[in-house]
N, C-alpha and C. Protein backbone atom coordinates (compact mmCIF):
# COMPACT_ATOMS: atom_id res chain seq x y z
N MET A 1 12.70 9.08 22.17
CA MET A 1 12.23 7.54 22.02
C MET A 1 10.94 7.34 20.69
N ALA A 2 10.41 7.87 20.61
CA ALA A 2 9.30 8.22 19.84
C ALA A 2 9.59 8.49 18.61
N GLU A 3 10.27 9.36 18.60
CA GLU A 3 11.19 10.01 17.10
C GLU A 3 11.68 8.85 16.70
N THR A 4 12.61 7.86 17.20
CA THR A 4 13.19 6.88 17.02
C THR A 4 12.36 5.82 16.14
N ILE A 5 11.34 5.40 17.05
CA ILE A 5 10.38 4.68 16.38
C ILE A 5 9.66 5.00 15.01
N VAL A 6 9.26 6.43 14.86
CA VAL A 6 8.67 6.90 13.66
C VAL A 6 9.65 6.73 12.82
N GLN A 7 11.03 7.19 12.98
CA GLN A 7 12.25 6.81 11.95
C GLN A 7 12.69 5.63 11.46
N VAL A 8 12.44 4.34 12.34
CA VAL A 8 12.55 3.21 12.11
C VAL A 8 11.02 2.69 11.29
N ALA A 9 10.09 3.29 11.33
CA ALA A 9 8.61 2.89 10.60
C ALA A 9 8.76 3.76 9.37
N ALA A 10 9.48 4.64 8.88
CA ALA A 10 9.85 5.37 7.85
C ALA A 10 10.69 4.58 7.12
N ALA A 11 11.97 4.28 7.80
CA ALA A 11 12.63 3.03 6.86
C ALA A 11 12.28 2.10 6.39
N LEU A 12 11.68 0.96 7.25
CA LEU A 12 10.90 0.23 6.66
C LEU A 12 9.71 0.46 5.66
N ILE A 13 9.02 1.40 5.80
CA ILE A 13 8.35 1.73 4.69
C ILE A 13 8.96 2.08 3.41
N LEU A 14 9.83 2.61 3.49
CA LEU A 14 10.64 3.32 2.18
C LEU A 14 11.41 1.89 1.95
N GLY A 15 11.79 0.73 2.60
CA GLY A 15 12.39 -0.16 2.05
C GLY A 15 11.33 -1.49 1.39
N ALA A 16 10.13 -1.17 1.98
CA ALA A 16 8.88 -2.00 1.49
C ALA A 16 8.73 -1.05 0.19
N ILE A 17 8.82 -0.20 -0.12
CA ILE A 17 8.13 0.51 -1.26
C ILE A 17 9.44 -0.17 -2.42
N LEU A 18 10.89 -0.02 -2.25
CA LEU A 18 11.69 -0.23 -3.09
C LEU A 18 11.45 -1.59 -3.67
N LEU A 19 10.95 -2.63 -2.55
CA LEU A 19 10.89 -3.95 -2.94
C LEU A 19 9.61 -4.02 -3.72
N GLY A 20 8.68 -3.35 -3.45
CA GLY A 20 7.25 -3.54 -4.39
C GLY A 20 7.41 -2.92 -5.59
N ILE A 21 8.76 -1.97 -5.50
CA ILE A 21 8.32 -1.23 -7.47
C ILE A 21 9.32 -2.09 -7.72
N THR A 22 10.28 -3.18 -7.12
CA THR A 22 11.11 -3.95 -7.81
C THR A 22 10.25 -4.88 -8.47
N ARG A 23 9.48 -5.78 -7.51
CA ARG A 23 8.42 -6.64 -8.16
C ARG A 23 7.78 -6.34 -9.31
N LEU A 24 7.46 -4.74 -9.27
CA LEU A 24 6.41 -4.28 -10.22
C LEU A 24 6.92 -4.30 -11.61
N VAL A 25 8.54 -4.02 -11.30
CA VAL A 25 9.00 -3.75 -12.81
C VAL A 25 9.59 -5.33 -13.17
N LEU A 26 9.96 -6.09 -12.31
CA LEU A 26 10.77 -7.32 -12.69
C LEU A 26 9.51 -8.57 -12.68
N GLY A 27 8.26 -8.18 -12.13
CA GLY A 27 7.33 -9.22 -12.35
C GLY A 27 7.34 -10.22 -13.77
N PRO A 28 7.37 -11.35 -13.35
CA PRO A 28 7.15 -11.90 -14.81
C PRO A 28 6.05 -12.20 -15.23
N THR A 29 4.99 -12.15 -14.80
CA THR A 29 3.44 -12.58 -14.92
C THR A 29 2.62 -11.35 -14.47
N LEU A 30 1.69 -10.94 -15.24
CA LEU A 30 0.72 -10.15 -14.74
C LEU A 30 0.05 -10.19 -13.46
N ILE A 31 0.05 -11.64 -12.72
CA ILE A 31 -0.58 -11.79 -11.32
C ILE A 31 0.36 -10.90 -10.35
N ASP A 32 1.84 -11.13 -10.66
CA ASP A 32 2.89 -10.93 -10.14
C ASP A 32 2.58 -9.45 -9.55
N ARG A 33 2.25 -8.63 -10.95
CA ARG A 33 2.61 -7.06 -10.77
C ARG A 33 0.85 -6.49 -10.48
N ILE A 34 -0.04 -7.14 -10.14
CA ILE A 34 -1.46 -6.75 -9.64
C ILE A 34 -0.63 -7.05 -8.19
N VAL A 35 -0.18 -8.03 -7.70
CA VAL A 35 -0.10 -8.21 -6.33
C VAL A 35 1.08 -7.29 -5.36
N ALA A 36 1.90 -6.48 -6.81
CA ALA A 36 2.84 -5.81 -6.26
C ALA A 36 2.04 -4.56 -6.23
N ILE A 37 1.33 -4.20 -7.40
CA ILE A 37 0.63 -2.93 -6.68
C ILE A 37 -0.35 -2.58 -5.73
N ASP A 38 -1.17 -4.10 -5.23
CA ASP A 38 -1.81 -4.09 -4.40
C ASP A 38 -1.14 -3.84 -2.76
N MET A 39 0.12 -4.50 -3.03
CA MET A 39 1.27 -4.34 -1.97
C MET A 39 1.43 -2.82 -1.67
N LEU A 40 1.82 -2.13 -2.88
CA LEU A 40 2.21 -0.78 -2.74
C LEU A 40 0.93 0.25 -2.39
N THR A 41 -0.23 -0.32 -2.63
CA THR A 41 -1.38 0.57 -1.86
C THR A 41 -1.55 0.13 -0.41
N ILE A 42 -1.09 -0.98 0.21
CA ILE A 42 -1.50 -1.18 1.26
C ILE A 42 0.34 -0.52 2.02
N ILE A 43 1.07 -0.36 1.37
CA ILE A 43 2.32 0.58 2.16
C ILE A 43 2.07 1.72 1.90
N SER A 44 1.35 2.42 1.23
CA SER A 44 0.95 3.89 1.14
C SER A 44 -0.28 3.89 2.18
N ILE A 45 -0.93 3.24 2.55
CA ILE A 45 -2.05 3.22 3.54
C ILE A 45 -1.08 3.35 4.67
N SER A 46 -0.01 2.79 4.93
CA SER A 46 0.63 2.77 6.35
C SER A 46 1.50 4.00 6.14
N LEU A 47 1.89 4.38 5.23
CA LEU A 47 2.97 6.03 5.25
C LEU A 47 1.37 6.99 5.67
N ILE A 48 0.48 7.05 5.18
CA ILE A 48 -0.57 7.97 5.43
C ILE A 48 -0.96 7.92 6.99
N VAL A 49 -1.04 6.57 7.42
CA VAL A 49 -1.25 6.47 8.90
C VAL A 49 -0.14 6.89 9.83
N LEU A 50 1.25 6.53 9.09
CA LEU A 50 2.50 7.35 10.06
C LEU A 50 2.37 8.76 9.70
N TYR A 51 2.10 9.35 8.76
CA TYR A 51 1.79 10.92 8.67
C TYR A 51 0.96 11.38 9.63
N ALA A 52 -0.05 10.47 9.56
CA ALA A 52 -1.27 11.36 10.50
C ALA A 52 -0.80 11.16 11.91
N HIS A 53 -0.22 10.14 12.21
CA HIS A 53 0.57 10.11 13.95
C HIS A 53 1.43 11.11 13.81
N VAL A 54 2.47 11.79 13.00
CA VAL A 54 3.56 12.33 13.25
C VAL A 54 2.72 13.78 12.96
N SER A 55 1.89 13.96 12.24
CA SER A 55 1.30 15.56 12.10
C SER A 55 0.17 15.59 13.29
N GLY A 56 -0.31 14.58 14.03
CA GLY A 56 -1.45 14.92 15.00
C GLY A 56 -2.75 14.84 14.33
N ARG A 57 -3.03 15.00 12.99
CA ARG A 57 -4.22 15.00 12.13
C ARG A 57 -4.79 14.00 11.86
N PHE A 58 -5.80 13.50 12.85
CA PHE A 58 -6.12 11.61 12.82
C PHE A 58 -7.02 11.83 11.79
N VAL A 59 -7.52 12.92 10.76
CA VAL A 59 -8.53 12.69 10.06
C VAL A 59 -7.94 12.13 8.89
N TYR A 60 -6.62 11.76 8.61
CA TYR A 60 -6.22 11.12 7.85
C TYR A 60 -6.28 9.67 7.85
N ILE A 61 -6.57 9.18 9.13
CA ILE A 61 -6.95 7.80 9.07
C ILE A 61 -8.16 7.22 8.39
N ASP A 62 -9.16 8.10 8.64
CA ASP A 62 -10.47 8.05 7.65
C ASP A 62 -10.02 7.72 6.19
N VAL A 63 -9.27 9.00 5.73
CA VAL A 63 -8.91 8.61 4.18
C VAL A 63 -8.13 7.27 4.11
N ALA A 64 -7.03 6.86 4.73
CA ALA A 64 -6.70 5.63 4.59
C ALA A 64 -7.53 4.43 4.84
N LEU A 65 -8.50 4.57 5.59
CA LEU A 65 -9.63 3.43 5.56
C LEU A 65 -10.23 3.53 4.14
N VAL A 66 -10.75 4.70 3.63
CA VAL A 66 -11.38 4.74 2.28
C VAL A 66 -10.51 4.12 1.77
N TYR A 67 -9.49 4.34 1.37
CA TYR A 67 -8.32 4.07 0.50
C TYR A 67 -8.26 2.87 0.59
N GLY A 68 -8.15 2.00 1.22
CA GLY A 68 -7.87 0.42 1.62
C GLY A 68 -9.30 0.15 1.15
N LEU A 69 -10.31 0.23 1.38
CA LEU A 69 -11.47 -0.16 0.84
C LEU A 69 -11.82 -0.08 -0.50
N LEU A 70 -11.11 1.22 -1.03
CA LEU A 70 -11.34 1.02 -2.48
C LEU A 70 -10.08 0.44 -3.26
N SER A 71 -9.13 -0.12 -2.72
CA SER A 71 -7.83 -0.97 -3.04
C SER A 71 -8.60 -2.08 -3.31
N PHE A 72 -9.39 -2.93 -1.85
CA PHE A 72 -9.74 -4.08 -1.93
C PHE A 72 -10.70 -4.54 -2.93
N LEU A 73 -11.53 -3.34 -3.25
CA LEU A 73 -12.89 -3.54 -4.47
C LEU A 73 -12.10 -3.62 -5.71
N ALA A 74 -11.29 -2.67 -5.80
CA ALA A 74 -10.46 -2.80 -7.28
C ALA A 74 -9.72 -4.19 -7.32
N VAL A 75 -8.66 -4.60 -6.45
CA VAL A 75 -8.16 -5.77 -6.57
C VAL A 75 -9.36 -7.31 -6.71
N LEU A 76 -10.62 -7.06 -6.07
CA LEU A 76 -11.35 -8.08 -6.47
C LEU A 76 -11.90 -7.76 -7.79
N ALA A 77 -12.21 -6.74 -8.37
CA ALA A 77 -12.76 -6.48 -9.67
C ALA A 77 -11.39 -7.25 -10.89
N VAL A 78 -10.39 -6.77 -10.56
CA VAL A 78 -9.33 -7.35 -11.39
C VAL A 78 -9.16 -8.61 -11.32
N ALA A 79 -9.27 -9.26 -10.14
CA ALA A 79 -9.37 -10.70 -10.14
C ALA A 79 -10.40 -11.52 -10.72
N ARG A 80 -11.55 -10.65 -10.72
CA ARG A 80 -12.99 -11.46 -11.50
C ARG A 80 -12.41 -11.33 -12.96
N PHE A 81 -11.91 -10.02 -13.52
CA PHE A 81 -11.76 -9.82 -14.79
C PHE A 81 -10.71 -11.08 -15.61
N LEU A 82 -9.61 -11.17 -14.58
CA LEU A 82 -8.60 -12.20 -15.12
C LEU A 82 -9.20 -13.65 -15.09
N GLU A 83 -9.95 -13.87 -14.05
CA GLU A 83 -10.81 -15.28 -14.11
C GLU A 83 -11.47 -15.50 -15.03
N LYS A 84 -12.82 -14.73 -15.45
CA LYS A 84 -13.45 -15.26 -16.42
C LYS A 84 -14.10 -13.94 -16.91
N GLY A 85 -13.69 -12.61 -16.97
CA GLY A 85 -13.89 -11.82 -17.42
C GLY A 85 -15.15 -11.19 -17.05
N LEU A 86 -15.47 -9.91 -17.25
CA LEU A 86 -16.71 -9.07 -16.62
C LEU A 86 -17.78 -9.00 -17.10
């Protein structure tokens, strides 16, 4: 049962990655591409957490938290730059 849930989660993550890459490539504006990159970082965080669960090494959750914080700060910096410059 648990293996099936992990396989479904991995399939959903793979589908989300494909959709994110599609938006990144086809996005007509710069804002669409930035949102796609932010979405891909969130998806990679979920992939890290899934790997931590499967491997049983929960130290990777700390890595995912730090990655999420850095991603949030990067998106804020890019939004500020696009709005009025640094």
